[in-house]
Amino acid sequence: MAREKTRPLTPEEAKARLLEAASRVGPLGFARRHPWEGILAAFLLGCLAGSEPDARMAVRESLSLLLKVL
């Protein structure tokens, strides 16, 4: 089968594709695609953080490491 050659994108098309792909990356992109899972995760983290001081410290340290990576 011969593959069809694709034409080069115009700058406007390339910019639109880049912006669309960038909107899917990161925590906000995940939250937009999966709102109920995000709500559940926030609820569970809130319960864990409010349960006892040691858990609160563990959640804070984990989140600070995660935010440094992102």
PDB file of N, CA and C in Angstrom:
ATOM      1  N   MET A   1       0.827  -1.179   0.000  1.00  0.00           N
ATOM      2  CA  MET A   1       0.000   0.000   0.000  1.00  0.00           C
ATOM      3  C   MET A   1       0.873   1.245   0.000  1.00  0.00           C
ATOM      4  N   ALA A   2       0.577   2.114  -0.899  1.00  0.00           N
ATOM      5  CA  ALA A   2       1.308   3.370  -0.951  1.00  0.00           C
ATOM      6  C   ALA A   2       0.701   4.333   0.059  1.00  0.00           C
ATOM      7  N   ARG A   3       1.568   4.952   0.800  1.00  0.00           N
ATOM      8  CA  ARG A   3       1.106   5.918   1.794  1.00  0.00           C
ATOM      9  C   ARG A   3       0.914   7.273   1.159  1.00  0.00           C
ATOM     10  N   GLU A   4      -0.158   7.928   1.540  1.00  0.00           N
ATOM     11  CA  GLU A   4      -0.393   9.270   1.044  1.00  0.00           C
ATOM     12  C   GLU A   4       0.535  10.230   1.754  1.00  0.00           C
ATOM     13  N   LYS A   5       1.135  11.107   0.991  1.00  0.00           N
ATOM     14  CA  LYS A   5       2.007  12.102   1.606  1.00  0.00           C
ATOM     15  C   LYS A   5       1.136  13.229   2.140  1.00  0.00           C
ATOM     16  N   THR A   6       1.458  13.658   3.339  1.00  0.00           N
ATOM     17  CA  THR A   6       0.700  14.752   3.939  1.00  0.00           C
ATOM     18  C   THR A   6       1.341  16.073   3.557  1.00  0.00           C
ATOM     19  N   ARG A   7       0.524  17.058   3.412  1.00  0.00           N
ATOM     20  CA  ARG A   7       1.044  18.371   3.070  1.00  0.00           C
ATOM     21  C   ARG A   7       1.565  19.043   4.335  1.00  0.00           C
ATOM     22  N   PRO A   8       2.516  19.912   4.220  1.00  0.00           N
ATOM     23  CA  PRO A   8       2.997  20.631   5.403  1.00  0.00           C
ATOM     24  C   PRO A   8       1.888  21.517   5.977  1.00  0.00           C
ATOM     25  N   LEU A   9       1.912  21.671   7.267  1.00  0.00           N
ATOM     26  CA  LEU A   9       0.914  22.505   7.930  1.00  0.00           C
ATOM     27  C   LEU A   9       1.249  23.976   7.741  1.00  0.00           C
ATOM     28  N   THR A  10       0.208  24.771   7.660  1.00  0.00           N
ATOM     29  CA  THR A  10       0.428  26.214   7.654  1.00  0.00           C
ATOM     30  C   THR A  10       0.779  26.630   9.084  1.00  0.00           C
ATOM     31  N   PRO A  11       1.378  27.776   9.250  1.00  0.00           N
ATOM     32  CA  PRO A  11       1.702  28.210  10.620  1.00  0.00           C
ATOM     33  C   PRO A  11       0.471  28.286  11.533  1.00  0.00           C
ATOM     34  N   GLU A  12      -0.661  28.706  10.986  1.00  0.00           N
ATOM     35  CA  GLU A  12      -1.878  28.791  11.798  1.00  0.00           C
ATOM     36  C   GLU A  12      -2.346  27.400  12.221  1.00  0.00           C
ATOM     37  N   GLU A  13      -2.291  26.425  11.297  1.00  0.00           N
ATOM     38  CA  GLU A  13      -2.690  25.056  11.624  1.00  0.00           C
ATOM     39  C   GLU A  13      -1.750  24.441  12.650  1.00  0.00           C
ATOM     40  N   ALA A  14      -0.458  24.690  12.485  1.00  0.00           N
ATOM     41  CA  ALA A  14       0.525  24.149  13.429  1.00  0.00           C
ATOM     42  C   ALA A  14       0.327  24.743  14.815  1.00  0.00           C
ATOM     43  N   LYS A  15       0.057  26.039  14.864  1.00  0.00           N
ATOM     44  CA  LYS A  15      -0.163  26.701  16.157  1.00  0.00           C
ATOM     45  C   LYS A  15      -1.417  26.150  16.829  1.00  0.00           C
ATOM     46  N   ALA A  16      -2.479  25.933  16.055  1.00  0.00           N
ATOM     47  CA  ALA A  16      -3.711  25.391  16.614  1.00  0.00           C
ATOM     48  C   ALA A  16      -3.493  23.983  17.154  1.00  0.00           C
ATOM     49  N   ARG A  17      -2.748  23.161  16.424  1.00  0.00           N
ATOM     50  CA  ARG A  17      -2.472  21.801  16.900  1.00  0.00           C
ATOM     51  C   ARG A  17      -1.615  21.819  18.154  1.00  0.00           C
ATOM     52  N   LEU A  18      -0.639  22.712  18.205  1.00  0.00           N
ATOM     53  CA  LEU A  18       0.221  22.816  19.379  1.00  0.00           C
ATOM     54  C   LEU A  18      -0.572  23.265  20.603  1.00  0.00           C
ATOM     55  N   LEU A  19      -1.424  24.263  20.448  1.00  0.00           N
ATOM     56  CA  LEU A  19      -2.229  24.742  21.570  1.00  0.00           C
ATOM     57  C   LEU A  19      -3.194  23.670  22.058  1.00  0.00           C
ATOM     58  N   GLU A  20      -3.764  22.916  21.129  1.00  0.00           N
ATOM     59  CA  GLU A  20      -4.691  21.849  21.509  1.00  0.00           C
ATOM     60  C   GLU A  20      -3.954  20.743  22.261  1.00  0.00           C
ATOM     61  N   ALA A  21      -2.760  20.381  21.800  1.00  0.00           N
ATOM     62  CA  ALA A  21      -1.983  19.344  22.481  1.00  0.00           C
ATOM     63  C   ALA A  21      -1.511  19.827  23.850  1.00  0.00           C
ATOM     64  N   ALA A  22      -1.129  21.083  23.946  1.00  0.00           N
ATOM     65  CA  ALA A  22      -0.659  21.626  25.222  1.00  0.00           C
ATOM     66  C   ALA A  22      -1.782  21.682  26.250  1.00  0.00           C
ATOM     67  N   SER A  23      -3.016  21.846  25.795  1.00  0.00           N
ATOM     68  CA  SER A  23      -4.124  21.915  26.749  1.00  0.00           C
ATOM     69  C   SER A  23      -4.420  20.558  27.371  1.00  0.00           C
ATOM     70  N   ARG A  24      -3.960  19.477  26.732  1.00  0.00           N
ATOM     71  CA  ARG A  24      -4.198  18.137  27.282  1.00  0.00           C
ATOM     72  C   ARG A  24      -3.121  17.703  28.263  1.00  0.00           C
ATOM     73  N   VAL A  25      -2.026  18.419  28.331  1.00  0.00           N
ATOM     74  CA  VAL A  25      -0.894  18.020  29.157  1.00  0.00           C
ATOM     75  C   VAL A  25      -1.006  18.673  30.530  1.00  0.00           C
ATOM     76  N   GLY A  26      -0.593  17.952  31.555  1.00  0.00           N
ATOM     77  CA  GLY A  26      -0.549  18.510  32.898  1.00  0.00           C
ATOM     78  C   GLY A  26      -1.793  18.214  33.705  1.00  0.00           C
ATOM     79  N   PRO A  27      -1.782  18.662  34.941  1.00  0.00           N
ATOM     80  CA  PRO A  27      -2.893  18.346  35.836  1.00  0.00           C
ATOM     81  C   PRO A  27      -4.214  18.988  35.413  1.00  0.00           C
ATOM     82  N   LEU A  28      -4.181  20.176  34.847  1.00  0.00           N
ATOM     83  CA  LEU A  28      -5.437  20.798  34.435  1.00  0.00           C
ATOM     84  C   LEU A  28      -6.047  20.070  33.247  1.00  0.00           C
ATOM     85  N   GLY A  29      -5.211  19.593  32.344  1.00  0.00           N
ATOM     86  CA  GLY A  29      -5.730  18.813  31.227  1.00  0.00           C
ATOM     87  C   GLY A  29      -6.384  17.533  31.707  1.00  0.00           C
ATOM     88  N   PHE A  30      -5.760  16.884  32.677  1.00  0.00           N
ATOM     89  CA  PHE A  30      -6.343  15.664  33.255  1.00  0.00           C
ATOM     90  C   PHE A  30      -7.662  15.984  33.935  1.00  0.00           C
ATOM     91  N   ALA A  31      -7.696  17.074  34.685  1.00  0.00           N
ATOM     92  CA  ALA A  31      -8.920  17.440  35.410  1.00  0.00           C
ATOM     93  C   ALA A  31     -10.053  17.779  34.449  1.00  0.00           C
ATOM     94  N   ARG A  32      -9.725  18.381  33.318  1.00  0.00           N
ATOM     95  CA  ARG A  32     -10.771  18.691  32.333  1.00  0.00           C
ATOM     96  C   ARG A  32     -11.320  17.428  31.677  1.00  0.00           C
ATOM     97  N   ARG A  33     -10.459  16.452  31.443  1.00  0.00           N
ATOM     98  CA  ARG A  33     -10.904  15.203  30.808  1.00  0.00           C
ATOM     99  C   ARG A  33     -11.585  14.268  31.799  1.00  0.00           C
ATOM    100  N   HIS A  34     -11.192  14.324  33.081  1.00  0.00           N
ATOM    101  CA  HIS A  34     -11.708  13.407  34.098  1.00  0.00           C
ATOM    102  C   HIS A  34     -12.139  14.195  35.338  1.00  0.00           C
ATOM    103  N   PRO A  35     -13.218  14.953  35.257  1.00  0.00           N
ATOM    104  CA  PRO A  35     -13.583  15.804  36.400  1.00  0.00           C
ATOM    105  C   PRO A  35     -13.978  15.014  37.645  1.00  0.00           C
ATOM    106  N   TRP A  36     -14.687  13.898  37.492  1.00  0.00           N
ATOM    107  CA  TRP A  36     -15.124  13.141  38.674  1.00  0.00           C
ATOM    108  C   TRP A  36     -13.946  12.491  39.382  1.00  0.00           C
ATOM    109  N   GLU A  37     -12.956  12.018  38.636  1.00  0.00           N
ATOM    110  CA  GLU A  37     -11.774  11.436  39.264  1.00  0.00           C
ATOM    111  C   GLU A  37     -10.990  12.501  40.031  1.00  0.00           C
ATOM    112  N   GLY A  38     -10.950  13.718  39.476  1.00  0.00           N
ATOM    113  CA  GLY A  38     -10.276  14.820  40.166  1.00  0.00           C
ATOM    114  C   GLY A  38     -10.966  15.191  41.463  1.00  0.00           C
ATOM    115  N   ILE A  39     -12.300  15.201  41.436  1.00  0.00           N
ATOM    116  CA  ILE A  39     -13.064  15.496  42.654  1.00  0.00           C
ATOM    117  C   ILE A  39     -12.836  14.414  43.699  1.00  0.00           C
ATOM    118  N   LEU A  40     -12.838  13.167  43.264  1.00  0.00           N
ATOM    119  CA  LEU A  40     -12.604  12.059  44.187  1.00  0.00           C
ATOM    120  C   LEU A  40     -11.204  12.138  44.803  1.00  0.00           C
ATOM    121  N   ALA A  41     -10.201  12.424  43.978  1.00  0.00           N
ATOM    122  CA  ALA A  41      -8.831  12.532  44.495  1.00  0.00           C
ATOM    123  C   ALA A  41      -8.720  13.679  45.498  1.00  0.00           C
ATOM    124  N   ALA A  42      -9.345  14.826  45.200  1.00  0.00           N
ATOM    125  CA  ALA A  42      -9.300  15.960  46.125  1.00  0.00           C
ATOM    126  C   ALA A  42     -10.003  15.622  47.435  1.00  0.00           C
ATOM    127  N   PHE A  43     -11.119  14.933  47.350  1.00  0.00           N
ATOM    128  CA  PHE A  43     -11.848  14.541  48.552  1.00  0.00           C
ATOM    129  C   PHE A  43     -11.016  13.591  49.409  1.00  0.00           C
ATOM    130  N   LEU A  44     -10.409  12.580  48.771  1.00  0.00           N
ATOM    131  CA  LEU A  44      -9.601  11.617  49.524  1.00  0.00           C
ATOM    132  C   LEU A  44      -8.374  12.275  50.141  1.00  0.00           C
ATOM    133  N   LEU A  45      -7.734  13.161  49.400  1.00  0.00           N
ATOM    134  CA  LEU A  45      -6.577  13.867  49.961  1.00  0.00           C
ATOM    135  C   LEU A  45      -7.003  14.762  51.127  1.00  0.00           C
ATOM    136  N   GLY A  46      -8.161  15.385  51.009  1.00  0.00           N
ATOM    137  CA  GLY A  46      -8.664  16.211  52.111  1.00  0.00           C
ATOM    138  C   GLY A  46      -8.954  15.395  53.350  1.00  0.00           C
ATOM    139  N   CYS A  47      -9.550  14.221  53.159  1.00  0.00           N
ATOM    140  CA  CYS A  47      -9.809  13.343  54.303  1.00  0.00           C
ATOM    141  C   CYS A  47      -8.509  12.878  54.941  1.00  0.00           C
ATOM    142  N   LEU A  48      -7.561  12.513  54.105  1.00  0.00           N
ATOM    143  CA  LEU A  48      -6.277  12.044  54.619  1.00  0.00           C
ATOM    144  C   LEU A  48      -5.536  13.167  55.333  1.00  0.00           C
ATOM    145  N   ALA A  49      -5.548  14.348  54.739  1.00  0.00           N
ATOM    146  CA  ALA A  49      -4.838  15.480  55.346  1.00  0.00           C
ATOM    147  C   ALA A  49      -5.483  15.910  56.658  1.00  0.00           C
ATOM    148  N   GLY A  50      -6.787  15.753  56.779  1.00  0.00           N
ATOM    149  CA  GLY A  50      -7.460  16.166  58.005  1.00  0.00           C
ATOM    150  C   GLY A  50      -7.525  15.097  59.065  1.00  0.00           C
ATOM    151  N   SER A  51      -7.057  13.902  58.772  1.00  0.00           N
ATOM    152  CA  SER A  51      -7.219  12.802  59.713  1.00  0.00           C
ATOM    153  C   SER A  51      -6.283  12.895  60.917  1.00  0.00           C
ATOM    154  N   GLU A  52      -5.018  13.093  60.692  1.00  0.00           N
ATOM    155  CA  GLU A  52      -4.074  13.207  61.807  1.00  0.00           C
ATOM    156  C   GLU A  52      -2.823  13.951  61.348  1.00  0.00           C
ATOM    157  N   PRO A  53      -2.065  14.511  62.277  1.00  0.00           N
ATOM    158  CA  PRO A  53      -0.914  15.349  61.906  1.00  0.00           C
ATOM    159  C   PRO A  53       0.153  14.616  61.078  1.00  0.00           C
ATOM    160  N   ASP A  54       0.424  13.345  61.393  1.00  0.00           N
ATOM    161  CA  ASP A  54       1.453  12.627  60.637  1.00  0.00           C
ATOM    162  C   ASP A  54       1.037  12.443  59.179  1.00  0.00           C
ATOM    163  N   ALA A  55      -0.226  12.145  58.947  1.00  0.00           N
ATOM    164  CA  ALA A  55      -0.727  12.000  57.579  1.00  0.00           C
ATOM    165  C   ALA A  55      -0.694  13.344  56.865  1.00  0.00           C
ATOM    166  N   ARG A  56      -1.005  14.397  57.585  1.00  0.00           N
ATOM    167  CA  ARG A  56      -0.979  15.735  56.996  1.00  0.00           C
ATOM    168  C   ARG A  56       0.426  16.081  56.518  1.00  0.00           C
ATOM    169  N   MET A  57       1.417  15.732  57.308  1.00  0.00           N
ATOM    170  CA  MET A  57       2.808  16.007  56.947  1.00  0.00           C
ATOM    171  C   MET A  57       3.199  15.188  55.714  1.00  0.00           C
ATOM    172  N   ALA A  58       2.785  13.937  55.653  1.00  0.00           N
ATOM    173  CA  ALA A  58       3.114  13.083  54.514  1.00  0.00           C
ATOM    174  C   ALA A  58       2.470  13.606  53.234  1.00  0.00           C
ATOM    175  N   VAL A  59       1.226  14.043  53.327  1.00  0.00           N
ATOM    176  CA  VAL A  59       0.534  14.586  52.153  1.00  0.00           C
ATOM    177  C   VAL A  59       1.222  15.866  51.701  1.00  0.00           C
ATOM    178  N   ARG A  60       1.584  16.731  52.623  1.00  0.00           N
ATOM    179  CA  ARG A  60       2.238  17.991  52.272  1.00  0.00           C
ATOM    180  C   ARG A  60       3.562  17.740  51.574  1.00  0.00           C
ATOM    181  N   GLU A  61       4.364  16.818  52.102  1.00  0.00           N
ATOM    182  CA  GLU A  61       5.662  16.519  51.483  1.00  0.00           C
ATOM    183  C   GLU A  61       5.491  15.893  50.105  1.00  0.00           C
ATOM    184  N   SER A  62       4.540  14.989  49.967  1.00  0.00           N
ATOM    185  CA  SER A  62       4.295  14.345  48.675  1.00  0.00           C
ATOM    186  C   SER A  62       3.826  15.349  47.631  1.00  0.00           C
ATOM    187  N   LEU A  63       2.921  16.227  48.031  1.00  0.00           N
ATOM    188  CA  LEU A  63       2.426  17.222  47.090  1.00  0.00           C
ATOM    189  C   LEU A  63       3.507  18.214  46.697  1.00  0.00           C
ATOM    190  N   SER A  64       4.361  18.578  47.626  1.00  0.00           N
ATOM    191  CA  SER A  64       5.433  19.520  47.282  1.00  0.00           C
ATOM    192  C   SER A  64       6.419  18.880  46.304  1.00  0.00           C
ATOM    193  N   LEU A  65       6.700  17.580  46.477  1.00  0.00           N
ATOM    194  CA  LEU A  65       7.565  16.902  45.514  1.00  0.00           C
ATOM    195  C   LEU A  65       6.898  16.792  44.147  1.00  0.00           C
ATOM    196  N   LEU A  66       5.614  16.486  44.148  1.00  0.00           N
ATOM    197  CA  LEU A  66       4.883  16.360  42.890  1.00  0.00           C
ATOM    198  C   LEU A  66       4.840  17.690  42.146  1.00  0.00           C
ATOM    199  N   LEU A  67       4.608  18.776  42.870  1.00  0.00           N
ATOM    200  CA  LEU A  67       4.545  20.084  42.221  1.00  0.00           C
ATOM    201  C   LEU A  67       5.897  20.529  41.683  1.00  0.00           C
ATOM    202  N   LYS A  68       6.986  20.097  42.316  1.00  0.00           N
ATOM    203  CA  LYS A  68       8.300  20.413  41.780  1.00  0.00           C
ATOM    204  C   LYS A  68       8.542  19.714  40.454  1.00  0.00           C
ATOM    205  N   VAL A  69       8.022  18.497  40.314  1.00  0.00           N
ATOM    206  CA  VAL A  69       8.181  17.723  39.088  1.00  0.00           C
ATOM    207  C   VAL A  69       7.363  18.340  37.958  1.00  0.00           C
ATOM    208  N   LEU A  70       6.162  18.789  38.284  1.00  0.00           N
ATOM    209  CA  LEU A  70       5.279  19.373  37.269  1.00  0.00           C
ATOM    210  C   LEU A  70       5.741  20.745  36.935  1.00  0.00           C
TER     211      LEU A  70
END
